[in-house]
C-alpha atoms as a PDB file:
ATOM      1  CA  MET A   1       2.191  17.641  15.833  1.00  0.00           C
ATOM      2  CA  VAL A   2      -0.946  15.541  16.227  1.00  0.00           C
ATOM      3  CA  ARG A   3      -4.086  15.916  14.146  1.00  0.00           C
ATOM      4  CA  LEU A   4      -7.470  14.377  14.641  1.00  0.00           C
ATOM      5  CA  ARG A   5      -8.686  11.686  12.246  1.00  0.00           C
ATOM      6  CA  SER A   6     -11.956  12.276  10.517  1.00  0.00           C
ATOM      7  CA  PRO A   7     -14.738   9.716  10.911  1.00  0.00           C
ATOM      8  CA  ASP A   8     -14.989   9.987   7.108  1.00  0.00           C
ATOM      9  CA  LEU A   9     -11.884   7.792   6.872  1.00  0.00           C
ATOM     10  CA  ARG A  10     -13.727   4.995   8.670  1.00  0.00           C
ATOM     11  CA  THR A  11     -16.757   5.553   6.407  1.00  0.00           C
ATOM     12  CA  GLY A  12     -14.443   5.367   3.404  1.00  0.00           C
ATOM     13  CA  GLY A  13     -13.117   2.106   4.808  1.00  0.00           C
ATOM     14  CA  ALA A  14     -16.622   0.668   4.940  1.00  0.00           C
ATOM     15  CA  PHE A  15     -17.210   1.676   1.311  1.00  0.00           C
ATOM     16  CA  ALA A  16     -13.860   0.166   0.288  1.00  0.00           C
ATOM     17  CA  ILE A  17     -14.785  -3.112   1.956  1.00  0.00           C
ATOM     18  CA  ALA A  18     -18.144  -3.029   0.140  1.00  0.00           C
ATOM     19  CA  ALA A  19     -16.299  -2.476  -3.148  1.00  0.00           C
ATOM     20  CA  GLY A  20     -13.936  -5.322  -2.332  1.00  0.00           C
ATOM     21  CA  VAL A  21     -16.716  -7.770  -1.542  1.00  0.00           C
ATOM     22  CA  GLN A  22     -18.479  -6.937  -4.811  1.00  0.00           C
ATOM     23  CA  TYR A  23     -15.258  -7.204  -6.849  1.00  0.00           C
ATOM     24  CA  ALA A  24     -14.496 -10.568  -5.220  1.00  0.00           C
ATOM     25  CA  LEU A  25     -18.008 -11.855  -5.932  1.00  0.00           C
ATOM     26  CA  LEU A  26     -17.644 -10.635  -9.517  1.00  0.00           C
ATOM     27  CA  GLY A  27     -14.368 -12.526  -9.770  1.00  0.00           C
ATOM     28  CA  ALA A  28     -15.948 -15.682  -8.361  1.00  0.00           C
ATOM     29  CA  VAL A  29     -18.841 -15.469 -10.833  1.00  0.00           C
ATOM     30  CA  LEU A  30     -16.412 -15.136 -13.739  1.00  0.00           C
ATOM     31  CA  LEU A  31     -14.206 -17.969 -12.519  1.00  0.00           C
ATOM     32  CA  VAL A  32     -17.218 -20.298 -12.223  1.00  0.00           C
ATOM     33  CA  ASP A  33     -19.009 -19.093 -15.367  1.00  0.00           C
ATOM     34  CA  PRO A  34     -16.498 -17.369 -17.671  1.00  0.00           C
ATOM     35  CA  ARG A  35     -17.669 -14.827 -20.197  1.00  0.00           C
ATOM     36  CA  THR A  36     -18.093 -16.082 -23.739  1.00  0.00           C
ATOM     37  CA  SER A  37     -18.823 -14.394 -27.046  1.00  0.00           C
ATOM     38  CA  THR A  38     -22.528 -14.993 -26.356  1.00  0.00           C
ATOM     39  CA  TRP A  39     -24.175 -12.902 -23.627  1.00  0.00           C
ATOM     40  CA  HIS A  40     -25.720 -15.034 -20.877  1.00  0.00           C
ATOM     41  CA  ALA A  41     -27.244 -14.730 -17.396  1.00  0.00           C
ATOM     42  CA  ALA A  42     -23.920 -14.630 -15.531  1.00  0.00           C
ATOM     43  CA  ASP A  43     -22.962 -11.524 -17.502  1.00  0.00           C
ATOM     44  CA  TYR A  44     -25.863  -9.608 -15.937  1.00  0.00           C
ATOM     45  CA  ALA A  45     -24.659 -10.604 -12.467  1.00  0.00           C
ATOM     46  CA  ALA A  46     -21.037  -9.789 -13.315  1.00  0.00           C
ATOM     47  CA  TYR A  47     -21.751  -6.314 -14.666  1.00  0.00           C
ATOM     48  CA  SER A  48     -24.203  -5.543 -11.859  1.00  0.00           C
ATOM     49  CA  LEU A  49     -21.494  -6.387  -9.326  1.00  0.00           C
ATOM     50  CA  PHE A  50     -18.957  -4.398 -11.356  1.00  0.00           C
ATOM     51  CA  ALA A  51     -21.222  -1.329 -11.353  1.00  0.00           C
ATOM     52  CA  GLY A  52     -21.847  -1.681  -7.611  1.00  0.00           C
ATOM     53  CA  ALA A  53     -18.146  -2.098  -6.864  1.00  0.00           C
ATOM     54  CA  SER A  54     -17.303   0.949  -8.982  1.00  0.00           C
ATOM     55  CA  ILE A  55     -19.928   3.021  -7.140  1.00  0.00           C
ATOM     56  CA  ALA A  56     -18.534   1.882  -3.772  1.00  0.00           C
ATOM     57  CA  ALA A  57     -14.981   2.686  -4.944  1.00  0.00           C
ATOM     58  CA  LEU A  58     -16.156   6.178  -5.914  1.00  0.00           C
ATOM     59  CA  ALA A  59     -17.791   6.569  -2.490  1.00  0.00           C
ATOM     60  CA  THR A  60     -14.465   5.559  -0.909  1.00  0.00           C
ATOM     61  CA  LEU A  61     -12.706   8.331  -2.814  1.00  0.00           C
ATOM     62  CA  LEU A  62     -15.397  10.836  -1.843  1.00  0.00           C
ATOM     63  CA  ALA A  63     -14.968   9.947   1.836  1.00  0.00           C
ATOM     64  CA  LEU A  64     -11.168  10.237   1.562  1.00  0.00           C
ATOM     65  CA  ARG A  65     -11.481  13.589  -0.150  1.00  0.00           C
ATOM     66  CA  ARG A  66     -13.937  14.829   2.449  1.00  0.00           C
ATOM     67  CA  ALA A  67     -11.708  13.673   5.305  1.00  0.00           C
ATOM     68  CA  GLU A  68      -8.413  14.948   3.958  1.00  0.00           C
ATOM     69  CA  MET A  69      -9.367  17.720   1.516  1.00  0.00           C
ATOM     70  CA  GLN A  70      -6.992  20.279   3.029  1.00  0.00           C
ATOM     71  CA  LEU A  71      -4.037  17.885   3.129  1.00  0.00           C
ATOM     72  CA  LEU A  72      -4.170  16.274  -0.307  1.00  0.00           C
ATOM     73  CA  GLY A  73      -3.040  19.319  -2.249  1.00  0.00           C
ATOM     74  CA  ARG A  74      -3.417  19.903  -5.968  1.00  0.00           C
ATOM     75  CA  LEU A  75      -2.158  16.471  -6.926  1.00  0.00           C
ATOM     76  CA  GLY A  76      -4.685  14.772  -4.677  1.00  0.00           C
ATOM     77  CA  LYS A  77      -7.505  16.942  -5.976  1.00  0.00           C
ATOM     78  CA  ALA A  78      -6.512  16.308  -9.598  1.00  0.00           C
ATOM     79  CA  GLY A  79      -6.194  12.592  -8.884  1.00  0.00           C
ATOM     80  CA  PHE A  80      -9.627  12.566  -7.318  1.00  0.00           C
ATOM     81  CA  VAL A  81     -11.160  14.213 -10.409  1.00  0.00           C
ATOM     82  CA  ILE A  82      -9.334  11.877 -12.815  1.00  0.00           C
ATOM     83  CA  ALA A  83     -10.198   8.725 -10.835  1.00  0.00           C
ATOM     84  CA  SER A  84     -13.808   9.893 -10.504  1.00  0.00           C
ATOM     85  CA  LEU A  85     -14.059  10.356 -14.263  1.00  0.00           C
ATOM     86  CA  GLY A  86     -12.624   6.876 -14.743  1.00  0.00           C
ATOM     87  CA  LEU A  87     -14.989   5.290 -12.239  1.00  0.00           C
ATOM     88  CA  GLY A  88     -17.906   7.183 -13.749  1.00  0.00           C
ATOM     89  CA  GLY A  89     -16.937   5.797 -17.143  1.00  0.00           C
ATOM     90  CA  LEU A  90     -16.749   2.258 -15.724  1.00  0.00           C
ATOM     91  CA  ILE A  91     -20.201   2.648 -14.195  1.00  0.00           C
ATOM     92  CA  LEU A  92     -21.594   3.889 -17.529  1.00  0.00           C
ATOM     93  CA  VAL A  93     -20.014   0.985 -19.412  1.00  0.00           C
ATOM     94  CA  ALA A  94     -21.431  -1.549 -16.947  1.00  0.00           C
ATOM     95  CA  VAL A  95     -24.924  -0.059 -17.109  1.00  0.00           C
ATOM     96  CA  ASP A  96     -24.742   0.165 -20.916  1.00  0.00           C
ATOM     97  CA  ARG A  97     -23.714  -3.483 -21.169  1.00  0.00           C
ATOM     98  CA  ILE A  98     -26.488  -4.600 -18.812  1.00  0.00           C
ATOM     99  CA  GLN A  99     -29.045  -2.610 -20.790  1.00  0.00           C
ATOM    100  CA  ALA A 100     -27.759  -3.825 -24.193  1.00  0.00           C
ATOM    101  CA  GLY A 101     -27.240  -7.444 -23.161  1.00  0.00           C
ATOM    102  CA  ALA A 102     -23.953  -7.278 -25.022  1.00  0.00           C
ATOM    103  CA  GLU A 103     -20.437  -5.889 -24.646  1.00  0.00           C
ATOM    104  CA  PRO A 104     -20.167  -2.705 -26.707  1.00  0.00           C
ATOM    105  CA  ALA A 105     -17.962   0.288 -25.829  1.00  0.00           C
ATOM    106  CA  ASP A 106     -14.582  -1.388 -25.386  1.00  0.00           C
ATOM    107  CA  ALA A 107     -12.797   1.898 -26.127  1.00  0.00           C
ATOM    108  CA  LEU A 108     -14.659   3.625 -23.279  1.00  0.00           C
ATOM    109  CA  LEU A 109     -13.891   0.712 -20.953  1.00  0.00           C
ATOM    110  CA  ILE A 110     -10.162   0.960 -21.710  1.00  0.00           C
ATOM    111  CA  LEU A 111     -10.153   4.761 -21.325  1.00  0.00           C
ATOM    112  CA  ALA A 112     -12.101   4.544 -18.059  1.00  0.00           C
ATOM    113  CA  PHE A 113      -9.678   1.963 -16.614  1.00  0.00           C
ATOM    114  CA  LEU A 114      -6.739   4.137 -17.645  1.00  0.00           C
ATOM    115  CA  LEU A 115      -8.244   7.252 -16.058  1.00  0.00           C
ATOM    116  CA  ALA A 116      -9.040   5.356 -12.854  1.00  0.00           C
ATOM    117  CA  ALA A 117      -5.483   3.977 -12.667  1.00  0.00           C
ATOM    118  CA  VAL A 118      -3.857   7.390 -13.226  1.00  0.00           C
ATOM    119  CA  GLY A 119      -6.197   8.992 -10.707  1.00  0.00           C
ATOM    120  CA  TYR A 120      -5.508   6.245  -8.167  1.00  0.00           C
ATOM    121  CA  LEU A 121      -1.763   6.839  -8.531  1.00  0.00           C
ATOM    122  CA  ALA A 122      -2.156  10.570  -7.895  1.00  0.00           C
ATOM    123  CA  VAL A 123      -4.516  10.054  -4.944  1.00  0.00           C
ATOM    124  CA  GLY A 124      -2.197   7.355  -3.595  1.00  0.00           C
ATOM    125  CA  TRP A 125       0.819   9.648  -3.736  1.00  0.00           C
ATOM    126  CA  ALA A 126      -1.150  12.474  -2.091  1.00  0.00           C
ATOM    127  CA  THR A 127      -2.560  10.295   0.716  1.00  0.00           C
ATOM    128  CA  TRP A 128       0.878   8.869   1.439  1.00  0.00           C
ATOM    129  CA  ARG A 129       2.491  12.322   1.462  1.00  0.00           C
ATOM    130  CA  ALA A 130      -0.264  13.637   3.749  1.00  0.00           C
ATOM    131  CA  GLY A 131       0.294  10.766   6.168  1.00  0.00           C
ATOM    132  CA  THR A 132      -3.248   9.497   5.665  1.00  0.00           C
ATOM    133  CA  LEU A 133      -2.163   6.034   4.547  1.00  0.00           C
ATOM    134  CA  PRO A 134       1.065   4.037   4.739  1.00  0.00           C
ATOM    135  CA  ILE A 135       2.797   3.680   1.375  1.00  0.00           C
ATOM    136  CA  TRP A 136       1.745   0.031   0.928  1.00  0.00           C
ATOM    137  CA  ALA A 137      -1.947   0.959   1.352  1.00  0.00           C
ATOM    138  CA  ALA A 138      -1.902   4.260  -0.529  1.00  0.00           C
ATOM    139  CA  PHE A 139      -1.264   2.550  -3.856  1.00  0.00           C
ATOM    140  CA  LEU A 140      -3.562  -0.450  -3.409  1.00  0.00           C
ATOM    141  CA  PRO A 141      -6.273   0.772  -5.824  1.00  0.00           C
ATOM    142  CA  ALA A 142      -3.676   1.334  -8.574  1.00  0.00           C
ATOM    143  CA  ALA A 143      -2.175  -2.099  -7.861  1.00  0.00           C
ATOM    144  CA  GLY A 144      -5.677  -3.508  -8.141  1.00  0.00           C
ATOM    145  CA  VAL A 145      -6.117  -2.113 -11.651  1.00  0.00           C
ATOM    146  CA  VAL A 146      -2.686  -3.334 -12.790  1.00  0.00           C
ATOM    147  CA  GLY A 147      -3.318  -6.779 -11.319  1.00  0.00           C
ATOM    148  CA  ALA A 148      -6.757  -6.969 -12.912  1.00  0.00           C
ATOM    149  CA  VAL A 149      -5.348  -6.110 -16.343  1.00  0.00           C
ATOM    150  CA  VAL A 150      -2.581  -8.688 -15.978  1.00  0.00           C
ATOM    151  CA  LEU A 151      -4.772 -11.450 -14.552  1.00  0.00           C
ATOM    152  CA  GLU A 152      -7.848 -10.863 -16.736  1.00  0.00           C
ATOM    153  CA  ASP A 153     -11.230 -12.331 -15.810  1.00  0.00           C
ATOM    154  CA  ALA A 154     -10.244 -15.937 -16.474  1.00  0.00           C
ATOM    155  CA  HIS A 155      -7.414 -15.839 -13.929  1.00  0.00           C
ATOM    156  CA  GLY A 156      -9.061 -14.051 -11.025  1.00  0.00           C
ATOM    157  CA  ALA A 157      -8.913 -10.329 -11.839  1.00  0.00           C
ATOM    158  CA  GLY A 158     -12.053  -9.644  -9.799  1.00  0.00           C
ATOM    159  CA  VAL A 159     -10.820 -11.674  -6.845  1.00  0.00           C
ATOM    160  CA  TRP A 160      -7.539  -9.711  -6.902  1.00  0.00           C
ATOM    161  CA  GLN A 161      -9.431  -6.404  -7.036  1.00  0.00           C
ATOM    162  CA  GLY A 162     -11.598  -7.606  -4.160  1.00  0.00           C
ATOM    163  CA  LEU A 163      -8.643  -8.448  -1.935  1.00  0.00           C
ATOM    164  CA  VAL A 164      -6.978  -5.115  -2.678  1.00  0.00           C
ATOM    165  CA  TRP A 165     -10.070  -3.049  -1.847  1.00  0.00           C
ATOM    166  CA  ILE A 166     -10.828  -5.077   1.291  1.00  0.00           C
ATOM    167  CA  ALA A 167      -7.238  -4.488   2.470  1.00  0.00           C
ATOM    168  CA  LEU A 168      -7.632  -0.751   1.845  1.00  0.00           C
ATOM    169  CA  GLY A 169     -10.956  -0.753   3.665  1.00  0.00           C
ATOM    170  CA  VAL A 170      -9.593  -2.545   6.699  1.00  0.00           C
ATOM    171  CA  THR A 171      -6.665  -0.108   6.797  1.00  0.00           C
ATOM    172  CA  LEU A 172      -9.013   2.888   6.701  1.00  0.00           C
ATOM    173  CA  ARG A 173     -11.371   1.351   9.281  1.00  0.00           C
ATOM    174  CA  ARG A 174      -8.460   0.719  11.652  1.00  0.00           C
ATOM    175  CA  ALA A 175      -7.105   4.244  11.323  1.00  0.00           C
ATOM    176  CA  PRO A 176      -6.326   5.528  14.812  1.00  0.00           C
ATOM    177  CA  LEU A 177      -8.339   8.400  16.213  1.00  0.00           C
ATOM    178  CA  HIS A 178      -5.265  10.541  15.815  1.00  0.00           C
ATOM    179  CA  ALA A 179      -1.958  10.222  14.006  1.00  0.00           C
ATOM    180  CA  ALA A 180       1.205  12.184  13.683  1.00  0.00           C
ATOM    181  CA  THR A 181       1.338  14.319  10.582  1.00  0.00           C
ATOM    182  CA  SER A 182       3.547  13.014   7.851  1.00  0.00           C
ATOM    183  CA  SER A 183       7.237  13.814   7.785  1.00  0.00           C
ATOM    184  CA  HIS A 184       7.210  13.331   3.980  1.00  0.00           C
ATOM    185  CA  HIS A 185       6.439  17.007   3.242  1.00  0.00           C
END
């Protein structure tokens, strides 16, 4: 059985690439000018890029949901809600830190990252099962979070996140106009 691909997948790919570019720039800023205990100009750039990347990541999820809403099932829908809450939390933390010129709200940052990671896993499983993405691409956002936590800012967490989201974006942009439905059901 063949089903048509939604143009929303390609739009989601463009948003994922935008997220990836911003994450990579964030990573480069932090590699060149690492964060210290004192807030400085690079922190404004870093958190602005982080907020922008998180917004683009959320837009990617929205496009995926719009394109594949009927195929993602309950797990995909739940994952979308959980990841959206996590990304929303990350956006709030970034904006709060920019406004405060400091780094409060570590508990919210940790919770938001955890929610995003759990949501990404659920969405990844659902998109793989629906045949929307190959298994290696379906779990890229979750791998990005794990890699970022392991690498931390000083060792290229943002660059890793950037590469992961760019790879997802390219995969979505290159999605064929039609594809066979998944045999994983």
